[in-house]
Amino acid sequence: MKYKINLFGITRDIVGGNVTEIELGQSADVQAVLGKLKTEFPKLKEIKSLLVAVNSEYAEADLVLSENDEIALIPPVSGG
């Protein structure tokens, strides 16, 4: 299955765009998506508190994904 991942902040800079797609087997979970992305883009491993949102809600690592889910990587935000 193909999963479309929306990227924000530093994740967008690392990957080189606002969106990327990855392919995983059926019944992939959030942890599998993160693992695949960190393999393809090793600099993502440097981000300490990378969160994943699925359908506009923060998701736990064991959440099983559907092909039409809206997935987003949420990096830490700092401000001043």
Protein backbone atom coordinates (compact mmCIF):
# COMPACT_ATOMS: atom_id res chain seq x y z
CA MET A 1 0.00 0.00 0.00
CA LYS A 2 1.10 3.55 -0.65
CA TYR A 3 0.90 6.10 2.12
CA LYS A 4 1.10 9.84 1.55
CA ILE A 5 2.92 11.73 4.30
CA ASN A 6 2.52 15.49 4.80
CA LEU A 7 5.65 17.19 6.09
CA PHE A 8 6.13 20.32 8.16
CA GLY A 9 9.04 22.37 9.48
CA ILE A 10 12.40 20.64 9.59
CA THR A 11 10.93 17.38 8.24
CA ARG A 12 10.01 19.20 5.04
CA ASP A 13 13.58 20.51 4.75
CA ILE A 14 15.10 17.06 5.32
CA VAL A 15 12.87 15.27 2.82
CA GLY A 16 12.93 18.10 0.30
CA GLY A 17 9.23 18.76 -0.15
CA ASN A 18 5.82 19.17 1.48
CA VAL A 19 4.74 15.60 0.75
CA THR A 20 6.35 12.21 0.29
CA GLU A 21 4.97 8.76 -0.41
CA ILE A 22 6.15 5.45 0.94
CA GLU A 23 5.07 1.92 0.21
CA LEU A 24 4.47 -0.62 2.97
CA GLY A 25 2.49 -3.80 3.33
CA GLN A 26 -1.12 -3.90 4.44
CA SER A 27 -1.75 -3.46 8.15
CA ALA A 28 1.22 -1.10 8.52
CA ASP A 29 1.23 0.91 11.70
CA VAL A 30 2.62 4.33 12.64
CA GLN A 31 5.84 2.76 13.90
CA ALA A 32 6.42 1.07 10.51
CA VAL A 33 5.89 4.37 8.71
CA LEU A 34 8.40 6.13 10.97
CA GLY A 35 10.89 3.31 10.54
CA LYS A 36 10.66 3.43 6.75
CA LEU A 37 10.98 7.22 6.67
CA LYS A 38 13.99 7.17 8.99
CA THR A 39 15.63 4.54 6.77
CA GLU A 40 15.03 6.57 3.62
CA PHE A 41 15.91 9.90 5.27
CA PRO A 42 18.45 9.17 8.06
CA LYS A 43 18.53 12.81 9.23
CA LEU A 44 15.00 12.27 10.60
CA LYS A 45 16.62 10.09 13.30
CA GLU A 46 18.17 13.25 14.76
CA ILE A 47 14.76 14.72 15.64
CA LYS A 48 14.12 13.78 19.27
CA SER A 49 10.37 14.31 19.60
CA LEU A 50 8.90 13.63 16.18
CA LEU A 51 5.14 13.12 16.40
CA VAL A 52 2.77 11.60 13.89
CA ALA A 53 -0.78 12.76 13.29
CA VAL A 54 -3.32 10.56 11.53
CA ASN A 55 -6.52 12.19 10.33
CA SER A 56 -5.68 15.37 12.30
CA GLU A 57 -5.16 13.57 15.63
CA TYR A 58 -1.90 12.57 17.32
CA ALA A 59 -1.36 8.84 16.83
CA GLU A 60 0.23 6.14 18.95
CA ALA A 61 2.96 3.94 17.43
CA ASP A 62 0.70 0.88 17.23
CA LEU A 63 -2.15 2.56 15.32
CA VAL A 64 -2.84 0.50 12.17
CA LEU A 65 -3.19 2.69 9.09
CA SER A 66 -5.58 2.65 6.16
CA GLU A 67 -4.55 3.65 2.65
CA ASN A 68 -6.71 6.78 2.70
CA ASP A 69 -5.51 8.07 6.09
CA GLU A 70 -4.11 11.58 6.17
CA ILE A 71 -0.67 11.22 7.79
CA ALA A 72 1.54 14.09 8.94
CA LEU A 73 4.95 14.34 10.62
CA ILE A 74 4.96 16.96 13.34
CA PRO A 75 8.43 18.13 14.40
CA PRO A 76 9.06 19.97 17.66
CA VAL A 77 8.20 23.65 17.54
CA SER A 78 10.27 26.36 19.14
CA GLY A 79 9.56 30.02 19.35
CA GLY A 80 10.59 33.14 21.01
